[in-house]
């Protein structure tokens, strides 16, 4: 499909720079395409709610699936050293761990770097033996994607990155304000457990312990999966057609126990509700052609666009996404492109807050693949 079909205009003042407080006070737009059950008869229903209303919008037996990946402080600021008379400033955003001492990273400005260059991030650490954190450019691709070979390894490297790094806020926030200590809490979900993401699974940011407790009291189960989100999630689709776009692979897992529980719940009439595009993508990666989930532990580069046949997910909770992004393409595949364009127009007109720290929507599937949702 043409990429420009997924374009829309968003006023700058609709981009949220801080999350709602408390988290579940964020607004929630319920989107029911033609054919989905609605409170009143209508061709298409948009219902304005709040995330705290979620227990009443779901039903006993439903299963929420959240991504428990934890965001690391993946943005490093430093300088190039050891070549020439100047030490130009360099910013690196780590996006994929290769092994104990190597990371793939997007760097700016890439034109300042050559193979073999040394980058120095910080000059002193909070732990004396860490000293300076150096990395060598061991590989360089076009577009500023490089492989960094760090001077530390394993847990010591992880600690050094945590001390010097900033939370990797997306460009539309970071360009308008600097990350701060509050972001270390705000840009992390209550489910965060396994370190590995360099972008938050943002739909999960809306949950609080109290909301989780009320969902469980309602008879709605909650299960965790893992997908370590890469910085590629922020990359625009530059190709004129979606067929020309290549997704960055991300590592994820679905345990055998979770797969079995979700299969059982669905066979008993429960619905699987993916909390975020990352949870949806790993579930769809773990599903067979028969819709049955199986244990999964591997990389996935699944790219979901209109025409995709969903197998494992019945409803979706997600934030509002960037135009021309793979995430907006995914929600268009789920609820229909025309429906989502109208939903976004409604949200803009009604003052919803967009993107990572913004509000959310609860999506029903379009009737072409809906089955009892």
Protein backbone atom coordinates (compact mmCIF):
# COMPACT_ATOMS: atom_id res chain seq x y z
CA UNK A 1 0.00 0.00 0.00
CA UNK A 2 1.08 3.60 -0.57
CA UNK A 3 2.68 5.08 2.52
CA UNK A 4 0.93 8.42 2.04
CA UNK A 5 -2.41 6.73 2.75
CA UNK A 6 -1.34 6.62 6.41
CA UNK A 7 -0.66 10.34 6.71
CA UNK A 8 -2.59 12.83 8.83
CA UNK A 9 -2.07 16.26 10.34
CA UNK A 10 -1.54 16.65 14.08
CA UNK A 11 -1.32 20.03 15.83
CA UNK A 12 1.90 20.30 17.85
CA UNK A 13 -0.01 21.15 21.02
CA UNK A 14 -1.59 17.67 20.99
CA UNK A 15 1.78 15.99 21.68
CA UNK A 16 2.02 15.13 25.38
CA UNK A 17 5.31 16.05 27.07
CA UNK A 18 4.42 14.48 30.43
CA UNK A 19 2.06 11.60 31.32
CA UNK A 20 -1.28 11.96 33.05
CA UNK A 21 -1.25 11.75 36.84
CA UNK A 22 -2.35 9.36 38.14
CA UNK A 23 -1.53 7.18 35.16
CA UNK A 24 -5.01 5.69 34.80
CA UNK A 25 -6.50 9.20 34.59
CA UNK A 26 -5.48 9.23 30.94
CA UNK A 27 -8.37 9.45 28.50
CA UNK A 28 -9.47 6.35 26.59
CA UNK A 29 -11.24 6.43 23.23
CA UNK A 30 -13.22 3.26 22.56
CA UNK A 31 -13.29 2.59 18.82
CA UNK A 32 -15.92 0.19 17.53
CA UNK A 33 -15.89 -0.22 13.75
CA UNK A 34 -19.03 -1.11 11.84
CA UNK A 35 -20.36 -4.40 13.17
CA UNK A 36 -18.71 -4.31 16.61
CA UNK A 37 -21.03 -4.27 19.65
CA UNK A 38 -21.81 -0.71 20.72
CA UNK A 39 -23.81 0.84 23.60
CA UNK A 40 -26.36 2.11 21.09
CA UNK A 41 -27.12 1.25 17.48
CA UNK A 42 -24.78 3.15 15.19
CA UNK A 43 -22.76 2.64 12.05
CA UNK A 44 -19.58 3.45 13.96
CA UNK A 45 -19.14 4.26 17.63
CA UNK A 46 -16.51 6.40 19.35
CA UNK A 47 -16.95 6.44 23.12
CA UNK A 48 -14.99 8.89 25.30
CA UNK A 49 -13.84 7.24 28.53
CA UNK A 50 -10.79 7.06 30.80
CA UNK A 51 -8.31 4.25 31.31
CA UNK A 52 -9.66 3.79 34.85
CA UNK A 53 -12.96 2.72 33.23
CA UNK A 54 -11.31 -0.34 31.68
CA UNK A 55 -12.73 -2.91 34.16
CA UNK A 56 -16.25 -1.94 33.11
CA UNK A 57 -15.41 -1.98 29.43
CA UNK A 58 -14.15 -5.56 29.52
CA UNK A 59 -15.86 -8.68 30.85
CA UNK A 60 -15.05 -11.53 33.19
CA UNK A 61 -12.96 -14.16 31.45
CA UNK A 62 -11.07 -11.68 29.27
CA UNK A 63 -7.26 -11.75 29.40
CA UNK A 64 -5.05 -8.68 29.26
CA UNK A 65 -1.57 -9.38 27.88
CA UNK A 66 1.17 -6.88 28.79
CA UNK A 67 4.80 -6.51 27.79
CA UNK A 68 7.10 -6.75 30.83
CA UNK A 69 10.24 -5.48 29.10
CA UNK A 70 12.15 -2.84 31.06
CA UNK A 71 13.59 0.26 29.43
CA UNK A 72 17.30 0.92 29.87
CA UNK A 73 18.91 4.37 29.94
CA UNK A 74 19.99 3.87 26.36
CA UNK A 75 20.86 7.42 25.25
CA UNK A 76 24.53 8.26 25.81
CA UNK A 77 26.19 11.64 25.28
CA UNK A 78 29.93 11.90 24.83
CA UNK A 79 32.67 12.85 22.43
CA UNK A 80 35.04 11.36 19.91
CA UNK A 81 38.61 11.24 21.16
CA UNK A 82 42.08 10.42 19.84
CA UNK A 83 41.77 11.66 16.26
CA UNK A 84 42.46 15.19 15.16
CA UNK A 85 42.68 18.33 17.25
CA UNK A 86 38.99 18.49 18.13
CA UNK A 87 36.70 16.22 20.13
CA UNK A 88 33.27 16.58 18.50
CA UNK A 89 30.19 15.86 20.60
CA UNK A 90 28.47 12.56 19.82
CA UNK A 91 25.04 11.22 20.84
CA UNK A 92 24.44 7.47 20.69
CA UNK A 93 21.14 5.66 21.21
CA UNK A 94 21.70 1.98 21.89
CA UNK A 95 19.10 -0.18 20.18
CA UNK A 96 20.29 -3.80 20.11
CA UNK A 97 22.59 -5.76 22.40
CA UNK A 98 24.86 -8.02 20.36
CA UNK A 99 26.68 -9.70 23.26
CA UNK A 100 28.22 -8.79 26.62
CA UNK A 101 30.27 -5.85 25.29
CA UNK A 102 28.81 -4.97 21.87
CA UNK A 103 25.75 -2.86 21.10
CA UNK A 104 24.20 -1.62 17.89
CA UNK A 105 23.48 2.10 18.14
CA UNK A 106 22.17 5.02 16.15
CA UNK A 107 24.67 7.88 16.38
CA UNK A 108 24.54 11.58 15.59
CA UNK A 109 26.35 13.07 13.78
CA UNK A 110 27.39 9.89 11.98
CA UNK A 111 29.59 11.78 9.53
CA UNK A 112 32.00 12.54 12.37
CA UNK A 113 32.81 8.85 12.88
CA UNK A 114 35.06 6.37 11.12
CA UNK A 115 35.85 2.72 11.82
CA UNK A 116 38.21 2.41 14.76
CA UNK A 117 37.23 5.74 16.35
CA UNK A 118 36.94 5.82 20.14
CA UNK A 119 33.97 7.44 21.87
CA UNK A 120 34.11 8.52 25.51
CA UNK A 121 30.89 8.78 27.50
CA UNK A 122 31.39 10.68 30.75
CA UNK A 123 34.64 11.26 32.57
CA UNK A 124 33.89 9.75 35.96
CA UNK A 125 31.52 7.24 37.49
CA UNK A 126 29.63 6.94 40.73
CA UNK A 127 31.52 3.71 41.32
CA UNK A 128 35.25 4.39 41.29
CA UNK A 129 36.34 1.31 39.33
CA UNK A 130 34.15 2.22 36.40
CA UNK A 131 36.21 5.27 35.44
CA UNK A 132 35.48 6.48 31.94
CA UNK A 133 33.20 4.54 29.61
CA UNK A 134 34.88 4.14 26.24
CA UNK A 135 33.62 2.40 23.13
CA UNK A 136 35.22 1.74 19.76
CA UNK A 137 33.38 1.96 16.44
CA UNK A 138 33.78 -1.58 15.11
CA UNK A 139 31.24 -1.41 12.27
CA UNK A 140 29.37 1.36 10.48
CA UNK A 141 26.37 1.22 8.18
CA UNK A 142 24.61 3.94 6.24
CA UNK A 143 22.16 6.09 8.16
CA UNK A 144 24.21 6.36 11.35
CA UNK A 145 23.76 2.75 12.51
CA UNK A 146 27.02 1.55 14.07
CA UNK A 147 28.32 -1.27 16.25
CA UNK A 148 30.04 -0.11 19.43
CA UNK A 149 32.59 -2.30 21.23
CA UNK A 150 32.64 -1.17 24.86
CA UNK A 151 35.60 -1.37 27.22
CA UNK A 152 33.45 -3.00 29.91
CA UNK A 153 31.54 -6.26 29.74
CA UNK A 154 28.37 -7.78 31.19
CA UNK A 155 26.89 -6.40 34.45
CA UNK A 156 29.68 -3.82 34.83
CA UNK A 157 28.83 -2.41 31.40
CA UNK A 158 25.12 -2.40 32.27
CA UNK A 159 25.87 -0.38 35.42
CA UNK A 160 28.07 2.06 33.52
CA UNK A 161 25.34 2.64 30.93
CA UNK A 162 22.72 3.09 33.66
CA UNK A 163 24.88 5.72 35.37
CA UNK A 164 25.68 7.76 32.29
CA UNK A 165 22.63 7.16 30.13
CA UNK A 166 19.40 9.05 29.79
CA UNK A 167 15.97 7.56 29.27
CA UNK A 168 15.55 7.35 25.48
CA UNK A 169 12.55 9.62 25.09
CA UNK A 170 11.22 9.66 21.53
CA UNK A 171 12.37 12.53 19.32
CA UNK A 172 9.07 14.40 19.46
CA UNK A 173 9.54 14.81 23.23
CA UNK A 174 13.34 15.00 23.46
CA UNK A 175 13.41 17.80 20.86
CA UNK A 176 11.19 19.95 23.10
CA UNK A 177 12.64 19.25 26.54
CA UNK A 178 15.58 17.39 28.06
CA UNK A 179 15.05 14.02 29.78
CA UNK A 180 15.20 14.25 33.57
CA UNK A 181 15.06 12.05 36.65
CA UNK A 182 11.25 12.00 36.58
CA UNK A 183 11.38 10.24 33.22
CA UNK A 184 13.24 7.32 34.83
CA UNK A 185 9.95 6.54 36.60
CA UNK A 186 7.46 7.93 34.09
CA UNK A 187 8.92 6.09 31.08
CA UNK A 188 8.67 2.69 32.76
CA UNK A 189 5.57 0.53 33.20
CA UNK A 190 4.51 -1.06 36.47
CA UNK A 191 5.10 -4.42 34.76
CA UNK A 192 8.75 -3.70 33.84
CA UNK A 193 10.93 -6.66 34.76
CA UNK A 194 13.36 -7.86 32.10
CA UNK A 195 15.82 -5.18 30.95
CA UNK A 196 16.27 -4.84 27.22
CA UNK A 197 14.03 -2.17 25.69
CA UNK A 198 15.22 1.18 24.40
CA UNK A 199 11.65 2.45 23.99
CA UNK A 200 8.77 1.95 26.40
CA UNK A 201 5.81 -0.31 25.59
CA UNK A 202 3.73 2.81 26.04
CA UNK A 203 0.22 1.35 26.34
CA UNK A 204 1.38 -0.23 29.61
CA UNK A 205 2.30 3.20 31.00
CA UNK A 206 -1.37 3.83 31.81
CA UNK A 207 -1.65 1.06 34.39
CA UNK A 208 -1.45 1.42 38.15
CA UNK A 209 -1.40 -1.22 40.86
CA UNK A 210 -4.91 -0.14 41.82
CA UNK A 211 -6.24 -0.57 38.30
CA UNK A 212 -4.63 -4.02 38.04
CA UNK A 213 -6.33 -5.02 41.32
CA UNK A 214 -9.75 -3.83 40.11
CA UNK A 215 -9.33 -5.73 36.83
CA UNK A 216 -8.56 -8.92 38.74
CA UNK A 217 -11.56 -8.35 41.03
CA UNK A 218 -13.68 -8.12 37.88
CA UNK A 219 -12.43 -11.57 36.81
CA UNK A 220 -10.10 -10.25 34.13
CA UNK A 221 -6.77 -12.07 34.09
CA UNK A 222 -3.41 -10.50 33.33
CA UNK A 223 -0.51 -12.26 31.65
CA UNK A 224 2.97 -11.07 30.71
CA UNK A 225 4.99 -11.59 27.56
CA UNK A 226 8.29 -9.97 26.61
CA UNK A 227 9.31 -8.03 23.53
CA UNK A 228 12.44 -5.90 23.83
CA UNK A 229 11.55 -2.76 21.92
CA UNK A 230 14.25 -1.35 19.65
CA UNK A 231 14.83 2.27 18.63
CA UNK A 232 13.68 1.24 15.16
CA UNK A 233 10.15 1.73 16.44
CA UNK A 234 10.73 5.49 16.00
CA UNK A 235 12.02 5.24 12.45
CA UNK A 236 9.65 6.63 9.80
CA UNK A 237 8.64 4.55 6.82
CA UNK A 238 10.67 6.23 4.09
CA UNK A 239 9.60 3.94 1.26
CA UNK A 240 6.78 5.13 -0.99
CA UNK A 241 5.10 1.74 -0.60
CA UNK A 242 4.84 -0.41 2.52
CA UNK A 243 6.33 -3.34 0.59
CA UNK A 244 9.62 -1.43 0.49
CA UNK A 245 9.96 -1.08 4.28
CA UNK A 246 12.07 -3.46 6.36
CA UNK A 247 11.33 -3.83 10.06
CA UNK A 248 14.13 -4.06 12.62
CA UNK A 249 14.11 -7.45 14.34
CA UNK A 250 13.35 -7.50 18.08
CA UNK A 251 13.74 -10.36 20.54
CA UNK A 252 10.72 -11.65 22.41
CA UNK A 253 9.32 -14.55 24.39
CA UNK A 254 5.98 -16.13 25.15
CA UNK A 255 6.21 -18.88 27.76
CA UNK A 256 4.52 -22.24 27.31
CA UNK A 257 2.49 -21.57 30.46
CA UNK A 258 1.15 -18.24 29.15
CA UNK A 259 0.38 -19.72 25.73
CA UNK A 260 -1.55 -22.59 27.32
CA UNK A 261 -3.50 -20.28 29.64
CA UNK A 262 -4.49 -17.92 26.83
CA UNK A 263 -5.55 -20.78 24.57
CA UNK A 264 -7.73 -22.17 27.36
CA UNK A 265 -9.30 -18.79 28.12
CA UNK A 266 -10.13 -18.20 24.49
CA UNK A 267 -11.67 -21.66 24.10
CA UNK A 268 -13.95 -20.78 27.04
CA UNK A 269 -15.15 -17.55 25.40
CA UNK A 270 -12.62 -15.14 26.86
CA UNK A 271 -11.02 -12.48 24.70
CA UNK A 272 -7.32 -11.81 24.39
CA UNK A 273 -6.68 -8.08 24.82
CA UNK A 274 -3.22 -7.01 23.70
CA UNK A 275 -1.91 -4.06 25.72
CA UNK A 276 0.10 -2.27 23.08
CA UNK A 277 1.50 -3.00 19.66
CA UNK A 278 4.48 -4.85 21.15
CA UNK A 279 2.29 -7.36 23.01
CA UNK A 280 0.21 -7.81 19.86
CA UNK A 281 3.24 -8.36 17.65
CA UNK A 282 4.80 -11.01 19.89
CA UNK A 283 1.45 -12.81 20.28
CA UNK A 284 0.91 -12.86 16.54
CA UNK A 285 4.48 -14.12 16.09
CA UNK A 286 3.76 -16.97 18.51
CA UNK A 287 0.44 -17.97 16.92
CA UNK A 288 0.03 -20.75 14.40
CA UNK A 289 -2.24 -20.65 11.39
CA UNK A 290 -4.93 -22.26 13.57
CA UNK A 291 -4.81 -19.35 16.01
CA UNK A 292 -3.29 -21.48 18.76
CA UNK A 293 -0.46 -19.86 20.72
CA UNK A 294 2.75 -21.77 21.26
CA UNK A 295 5.89 -21.12 23.27
CA UNK A 296 8.10 -18.63 21.45
CA UNK A 297 11.63 -17.35 22.11
CA UNK A 298 13.21 -15.72 19.10
CA UNK A 299 13.56 -12.53 17.11
CA UNK A 300 10.56 -11.22 15.21
CA UNK A 301 10.37 -8.65 12.45
CA UNK A 302 6.65 -9.05 11.83
CA UNK A 303 5.24 -6.07 9.89
CA UNK A 304 1.47 -5.77 10.10
CA UNK A 305 -0.37 -3.71 7.48
CA UNK A 306 -3.96 -3.72 6.20
CA UNK A 307 -4.84 -7.11 4.79
CA UNK A 308 -3.08 -9.01 7.57
CA UNK A 309 -5.20 -11.82 9.06
CA UNK A 310 -5.03 -11.60 12.85
CA UNK A 311 -4.91 -14.94 14.63
CA UNK A 312 -4.28 -14.40 18.34
CA UNK A 313 -5.77 -11.06 19.44
CA UNK A 314 -9.40 -10.01 19.88
CA UNK A 315 -9.09 -6.45 21.25
CA UNK A 316 -6.24 -3.97 21.48
CA UNK A 317 -5.36 -1.18 23.91
CA UNK A 318 -2.85 1.24 22.41
CA UNK A 319 -1.71 4.85 22.34
CA UNK A 320 -2.16 7.29 19.46
CA UNK A 321 0.65 6.89 16.95
CA UNK A 322 2.73 8.89 14.51
CA UNK A 323 1.54 9.41 10.93
CA UNK A 324 3.18 7.13 8.35
CA UNK A 325 4.50 4.93 11.16
CA UNK A 326 4.44 1.14 11.28
CA UNK A 327 2.34 1.48 14.45
CA UNK A 328 -0.40 3.47 12.74
CA UNK A 329 -0.32 0.93 9.91
CA UNK A 330 -0.84 -1.82 12.48
CA UNK A 331 -3.91 -0.21 14.08
CA UNK A 332 -5.27 0.50 10.59
CA UNK A 333 -4.93 -3.21 9.86
CA UNK A 334 -6.76 -4.04 13.08
CA UNK A 335 -9.72 -1.66 12.98
CA UNK A 336 -9.65 -0.41 9.39
CA UNK A 337 -7.80 2.55 7.86
CA UNK A 338 -10.87 4.71 7.32
CA UNK A 339 -12.12 3.99 10.85
CA UNK A 340 -8.78 4.90 12.40
CA UNK A 341 -8.51 8.13 10.42
CA UNK A 342 -11.94 9.14 11.66
CA UNK A 343 -11.04 8.05 15.20
CA UNK A 344 -7.88 10.16 15.14
CA UNK A 345 -9.81 13.15 13.77
CA UNK A 346 -12.30 12.72 16.63
CA UNK A 347 -9.45 12.51 19.14
CA UNK A 348 -7.77 15.63 17.79
CA UNK A 349 -11.01 17.58 17.88
CA UNK A 350 -11.82 16.37 21.39
CA UNK A 351 -8.43 17.37 22.78
CA UNK A 352 -6.86 13.95 23.32
CA UNK A 353 -3.11 13.89 24.02
CA UNK A 354 -0.97 11.97 21.53
CA UNK A 355 2.05 9.66 21.43
CA UNK A 356 4.14 8.02 24.17
CA UNK A 357 2.98 10.12 27.15
CA UNK A 358 -0.47 10.69 25.70
CA UNK A 359 -3.89 9.09 25.95
CA UNK A 360 -5.02 5.69 24.70
CA UNK A 361 -7.68 3.95 22.66
CA UNK A 362 -9.40 0.58 23.04
CA UNK A 363 -9.81 -0.91 19.59
CA UNK A 364 -12.33 -3.46 18.41
CA UNK A 365 -11.44 -5.30 15.19
CA UNK A 366 -13.05 -4.55 11.89
CA UNK A 367 -15.88 -6.91 11.08
CA UNK A 368 -13.96 -8.58 8.24
CA UNK A 369 -12.07 -10.72 10.75
CA UNK A 370 -13.99 -10.20 14.00
CA UNK A 371 -15.19 -13.47 15.50
CA UNK A 372 -17.34 -13.07 18.57
CA UNK A 373 -15.46 -10.08 19.95
